[in-house]
Amino acid sequence: MTFGVQGPTAASRPAAPFTPHPRSAGTCCFGGRPTGFTLIEVIGALVIFSVGILMVMRVGGALTTQMRYAGVRSQIVALASERLDSIESAPFDSIVAGTEEDTVTVQGWSYRRRTTVTALTPVLARIEVGMFRVDSLGPSHSVTSYTSAPW
């Protein structure tokens, strides 16, 4: 039995002329397949990229809103604390029980500041200060404290 190459050897066969695949004309082939991206792949990549950019923009807008709310909240906390401190620092005999409301503007937003003083006993009073948006949108804050007559 004879082992070996059957038929004409590689040296004796005529070389086949190279004819490029019609789709890969002008491009380099790798493994018999044309290189590059198809139109569907490019469109898919653009859609994924666009969705990612839109999500980043949306998060950026939400962060901007939260930063503005944080700035407004710090200002309304300061305004409520100032009112509370001014009442607490007054002599107890000059504090009158009742409710007082006024409107303050913080960064272009109107807030209703409600101050309520309640006499709990002849020597003890509760002070409540609340800051609420006029149109009820956005941050709000309220603070409560107690003051008493000197013993």
C-alpha atoms as a PDB file:
ATOM      1  CA  MET A   1       0.000   0.000   0.000  1.00  0.00           C
ATOM      2  CA  THR A   2       1.253   3.408  -0.917  1.00  0.00           C
ATOM      3  CA  PHE A   3       0.812   6.435   1.264  1.00  0.00           C
ATOM      4  CA  GLY A   4       1.155   9.937  -0.019  1.00  0.00           C
ATOM      5  CA  VAL A   5      -0.541  12.591  -2.036  1.00  0.00           C
ATOM      6  CA  GLN A   6      -2.841  11.267  -4.652  1.00  0.00           C
ATOM      7  CA  GLY A   7      -3.431  13.173  -7.827  1.00  0.00           C
ATOM      8  CA  PRO A   8      -1.316  15.956  -9.188  1.00  0.00           C
ATOM      9  CA  THR A   9       1.052  17.602  -6.766  1.00  0.00           C
ATOM     10  CA  ALA A  10       0.840  21.278  -5.816  1.00  0.00           C
ATOM     11  CA  ALA A  11       3.781  22.080  -8.022  1.00  0.00           C
ATOM     12  CA  SER A  12       2.170  20.486 -11.040  1.00  0.00           C
ATOM     13  CA  ARG A  13      -1.270  22.193 -10.622  1.00  0.00           C
ATOM     14  CA  PRO A  14      -1.867  25.493 -12.439  1.00  0.00           C
ATOM     15  CA  ALA A  15      -2.374  28.509 -10.132  1.00  0.00           C
ATOM     16  CA  ALA A  16      -5.969  29.745  -9.918  1.00  0.00           C
ATOM     17  CA  PRO A  17      -6.386  33.416 -10.744  1.00  0.00           C
ATOM     18  CA  PHE A  18      -7.389  35.629  -7.742  1.00  0.00           C
ATOM     19  CA  THR A  19     -10.866  37.063  -8.063  1.00  0.00           C
ATOM     20  CA  PRO A  20     -12.064  39.194  -5.125  1.00  0.00           C
ATOM     21  CA  HIS A  21     -15.543  38.716  -3.738  1.00  0.00           C
ATOM     22  CA  PRO A  22     -17.936  41.325  -5.168  1.00  0.00           C
ATOM     23  CA  ARG A  23     -18.809  42.704  -1.675  1.00  0.00           C
ATOM     24  CA  SER A  24     -15.181  43.066  -0.703  1.00  0.00           C
ATOM     25  CA  ALA A  25     -13.936  44.863  -3.767  1.00  0.00           C
ATOM     26  CA  GLY A  26     -11.397  47.404  -2.607  1.00  0.00           C
ATOM     27  CA  THR A  27     -11.269  46.079   0.971  1.00  0.00           C
ATOM     28  CA  CYS A  28      -8.941  43.665   2.612  1.00  0.00           C
ATOM     29  CA  CYS A  29     -10.240  40.216   3.395  1.00  0.00           C
ATOM     30  CA  PHE A  30      -9.587  38.397   6.631  1.00  0.00           C
ATOM     31  CA  GLY A  31     -10.278  34.703   6.756  1.00  0.00           C
ATOM     32  CA  GLY A  32     -12.233  34.852   3.533  1.00  0.00           C
ATOM     33  CA  ARG A  33     -14.694  37.426   4.946  1.00  0.00           C
ATOM     34  CA  PRO A  34     -14.771  41.142   4.218  1.00  0.00           C
ATOM     35  CA  THR A  35     -13.643  43.448   7.039  1.00  0.00           C
ATOM     36  CA  GLY A  36     -15.538  46.503   8.312  1.00  0.00           C
ATOM     37  CA  PHE A  37     -18.986  47.092   9.728  1.00  0.00           C
ATOM     38  CA  THR A  38     -22.364  46.586   8.150  1.00  0.00           C
ATOM     39  CA  LEU A  39     -24.947  49.346   8.082  1.00  0.00           C
ATOM     40  CA  ILE A  40     -27.065  47.530  10.687  1.00  0.00           C
ATOM     41  CA  GLU A  41     -24.103  47.356  13.083  1.00  0.00           C
ATOM     42  CA  VAL A  42     -23.372  51.068  12.656  1.00  0.00           C
ATOM     43  CA  ILE A  43     -27.030  52.024  13.229  1.00  0.00           C
ATOM     44  CA  GLY A  44     -27.190  49.774  16.304  1.00  0.00           C
ATOM     45  CA  ALA A  45     -24.051  51.348  17.744  1.00  0.00           C
ATOM     46  CA  LEU A  46     -25.423  54.852  17.142  1.00  0.00           C
ATOM     47  CA  VAL A  47     -28.706  53.974  18.885  1.00  0.00           C
ATOM     48  CA  ILE A  48     -26.876  52.585  21.925  1.00  0.00           C
ATOM     49  CA  PHE A  49     -24.562  55.630  22.039  1.00  0.00           C
ATOM     50  CA  SER A  50     -27.528  58.036  21.745  1.00  0.00           C
ATOM     51  CA  VAL A  51     -29.427  56.329  24.573  1.00  0.00           C
ATOM     52  CA  GLY A  52     -26.337  56.584  26.768  1.00  0.00           C
ATOM     53  CA  ILE A  53     -25.899  60.298  26.025  1.00  0.00           C
ATOM     54  CA  LEU A  54     -29.590  60.980  26.757  1.00  0.00           C
ATOM     55  CA  MET A  55     -29.306  59.180  30.097  1.00  0.00           C
ATOM     56  CA  VAL A  56     -26.248  61.230  31.055  1.00  0.00           C
ATOM     57  CA  MET A  57     -28.071  64.457  30.138  1.00  0.00           C
ATOM     58  CA  ARG A  58     -31.103  63.441  32.191  1.00  0.00           C
ATOM     59  CA  VAL A  59     -28.959  62.688  35.235  1.00  0.00           C
ATOM     60  CA  GLY A  60     -27.221  66.050  34.793  1.00  0.00           C
ATOM     61  CA  GLY A  61     -30.574  67.848  34.788  1.00  0.00           C
ATOM     62  CA  ALA A  62     -31.707  66.014  37.906  1.00  0.00           C
ATOM     63  CA  LEU A  63     -28.469  66.928  39.682  1.00  0.00           C
ATOM     64  CA  THR A  64     -28.931  70.585  38.756  1.00  0.00           C
ATOM     65  CA  THR A  65     -32.445  70.552  40.228  1.00  0.00           C
ATOM     66  CA  GLN A  66     -31.239  68.858  43.404  1.00  0.00           C
ATOM     67  CA  MET A  67     -28.434  71.385  43.795  1.00  0.00           C
ATOM     68  CA  ARG A  68     -30.919  74.250  43.479  1.00  0.00           C
ATOM     69  CA  TYR A  69     -33.233  72.625  46.037  1.00  0.00           C
ATOM     70  CA  ALA A  70     -30.279  72.193  48.413  1.00  0.00           C
ATOM     71  CA  GLY A  71     -29.401  75.878  48.107  1.00  0.00           C
ATOM     72  CA  VAL A  72     -33.004  76.949  48.684  1.00  0.00           C
ATOM     73  CA  ARG A  73     -33.372  74.554  51.612  1.00  0.00           C
ATOM     74  CA  SER A  74     -30.284  75.959  53.344  1.00  0.00           C
ATOM     75  CA  GLN A  75     -31.630  79.502  52.963  1.00  0.00           C
ATOM     76  CA  ILE A  76     -35.110  78.683  54.295  1.00  0.00           C
ATOM     77  CA  VAL A  77     -33.573  76.814  57.243  1.00  0.00           C
ATOM     78  CA  ALA A  78     -31.510  79.917  58.012  1.00  0.00           C
ATOM     79  CA  LEU A  79     -34.581  82.201  57.743  1.00  0.00           C
ATOM     80  CA  ALA A  80     -36.681  79.963  60.020  1.00  0.00           C
ATOM     81  CA  SER A  81     -33.850  79.680  62.559  1.00  0.00           C
ATOM     82  CA  GLU A  82     -33.344  83.464  62.569  1.00  0.00           C
ATOM     83  CA  ARG A  83     -37.027  84.043  63.346  1.00  0.00           C
ATOM     84  CA  LEU A  84     -36.971  81.402  66.076  1.00  0.00           C
ATOM     85  CA  ASP A  85     -33.805  82.850  67.630  1.00  0.00           C
ATOM     86  CA  SER A  86     -35.204  86.383  67.577  1.00  0.00           C
ATOM     87  CA  ILE A  87     -38.298  85.297  69.505  1.00  0.00           C
ATOM     88  CA  GLU A  88     -36.305  83.177  71.976  1.00  0.00           C
ATOM     89  CA  SER A  89     -33.913  86.038  72.702  1.00  0.00           C
ATOM     90  CA  ALA A  90     -36.757  88.419  73.602  1.00  0.00           C
ATOM     91  CA  PRO A  91     -37.789  88.667  77.249  1.00  0.00           C
ATOM     92  CA  PHE A  92     -40.468  86.091  78.060  1.00  0.00           C
ATOM     93  CA  ASP A  93     -42.958  88.741  79.226  1.00  0.00           C
ATOM     94  CA  SER A  94     -42.832  90.442  75.792  1.00  0.00           C
ATOM     95  CA  ILE A  95     -43.694  87.248  73.842  1.00  0.00           C
ATOM     96  CA  VAL A  96     -47.330  87.328  72.749  1.00  0.00           C
ATOM     97  CA  ALA A  97     -49.200  84.131  71.911  1.00  0.00           C
ATOM     98  CA  GLY A  98     -50.679  83.984  68.422  1.00  0.00           C
ATOM     99  CA  THR A  99     -49.921  83.354  64.757  1.00  0.00           C
ATOM    100  CA  GLU A 100     -48.114  85.661  62.363  1.00  0.00           C
ATOM    101  CA  GLU A 101     -47.601  85.113  58.616  1.00  0.00           C
ATOM    102  CA  ASP A 102     -45.465  86.903  56.073  1.00  0.00           C
ATOM    103  CA  THR A 103     -44.082  86.146  52.617  1.00  0.00           C
ATOM    104  CA  VAL A 104     -40.384  85.933  51.812  1.00  0.00           C
ATOM    105  CA  THR A 105     -38.691  85.332  48.473  1.00  0.00           C
ATOM    106  CA  VAL A 106     -35.815  82.856  48.191  1.00  0.00           C
ATOM    107  CA  GLN A 107     -34.068  82.533  44.803  1.00  0.00           C
ATOM    108  CA  GLY A 108     -37.182  83.725  42.991  1.00  0.00           C
ATOM    109  CA  TRP A 109     -39.567  81.407  44.866  1.00  0.00           C
ATOM    110  CA  SER A 110     -42.190  82.813  47.219  1.00  0.00           C
ATOM    111  CA  TYR A 111     -42.417  81.235  50.665  1.00  0.00           C
ATOM    112  CA  ARG A 112     -45.042  81.706  53.362  1.00  0.00           C
ATOM    113  CA  ARG A 113     -43.411  81.955  56.788  1.00  0.00           C
ATOM    114  CA  ARG A 114     -45.825  81.112  59.577  1.00  0.00           C
ATOM    115  CA  THR A 115     -44.793  81.800  63.167  1.00  0.00           C
ATOM    116  CA  THR A 116     -46.999  80.382  65.912  1.00  0.00           C
ATOM    117  CA  VAL A 117     -46.459  81.054  69.604  1.00  0.00           C
ATOM    118  CA  THR A 118     -48.549  78.963  71.985  1.00  0.00           C
ATOM    119  CA  ALA A 119     -48.617  79.612  75.729  1.00  0.00           C
ATOM    120  CA  LEU A 120     -48.569  76.145  77.326  1.00  0.00           C
ATOM    121  CA  THR A 121     -48.384  77.380  80.923  1.00  0.00           C
ATOM    122  CA  PRO A 122     -47.868  80.810  82.436  1.00  0.00           C
ATOM    123  CA  VAL A 123     -44.096  80.198  82.340  1.00  0.00           C
ATOM    124  CA  LEU A 124     -43.708  78.018  79.217  1.00  0.00           C
ATOM    125  CA  ALA A 125     -44.374  78.761  75.523  1.00  0.00           C
ATOM    126  CA  ARG A 126     -43.952  76.720  72.336  1.00  0.00           C
ATOM    127  CA  ILE A 127     -42.632  78.498  69.232  1.00  0.00           C
ATOM    128  CA  GLU A 128     -43.184  76.991  65.785  1.00  0.00           C
ATOM    129  CA  VAL A 129     -41.791  78.491  62.582  1.00  0.00           C
ATOM    130  CA  GLY A 130     -42.697  76.946  59.234  1.00  0.00           C
ATOM    131  CA  MET A 131     -41.503  77.867  55.750  1.00  0.00           C
ATOM    132  CA  PHE A 132     -43.788  76.612  52.962  1.00  0.00           C
ATOM    133  CA  ARG A 133     -43.878  77.315  49.241  1.00  0.00           C
ATOM    134  CA  VAL A 134     -46.828  79.446  48.164  1.00  0.00           C
ATOM    135  CA  ASP A 135     -47.571  77.089  45.244  1.00  0.00           C
ATOM    136  CA  SER A 136     -46.706  74.008  47.389  1.00  0.00           C
ATOM    137  CA  LEU A 137     -43.881  72.830  45.093  1.00  0.00           C
ATOM    138  CA  GLY A 138     -40.293  72.606  46.262  1.00  0.00           C
ATOM    139  CA  PRO A 139     -38.610  72.200  49.640  1.00  0.00           C
ATOM    140  CA  SER A 140     -40.192  73.301  52.913  1.00  0.00           C
ATOM    141  CA  HIS A 141     -38.978  73.418  56.500  1.00  0.00           C
ATOM    142  CA  SER A 142     -40.414  73.795  59.974  1.00  0.00           C
ATOM    143  CA  VAL A 143     -38.749  74.104  63.359  1.00  0.00           C
ATOM    144  CA  THR A 144     -40.151  74.020  66.916  1.00  0.00           C
ATOM    145  CA  SER A 145     -38.654  75.245  70.154  1.00  0.00           C
ATOM    146  CA  TYR A 146     -39.740  76.049  73.697  1.00  0.00           C
ATOM    147  CA  THR A 147     -38.978  79.077  75.815  1.00  0.00           C
ATOM    148  CA  SER A 148     -39.688  79.777  79.448  1.00  0.00           C
ATOM    149  CA  ALA A 149     -39.672  82.576  81.988  1.00  0.00           C
ATOM    150  CA  PRO A 150     -36.647  82.742  84.257  1.00  0.00           C
ATOM    151  CA  TRP A 151     -37.111  80.702  87.423  1.00  0.00           C
END
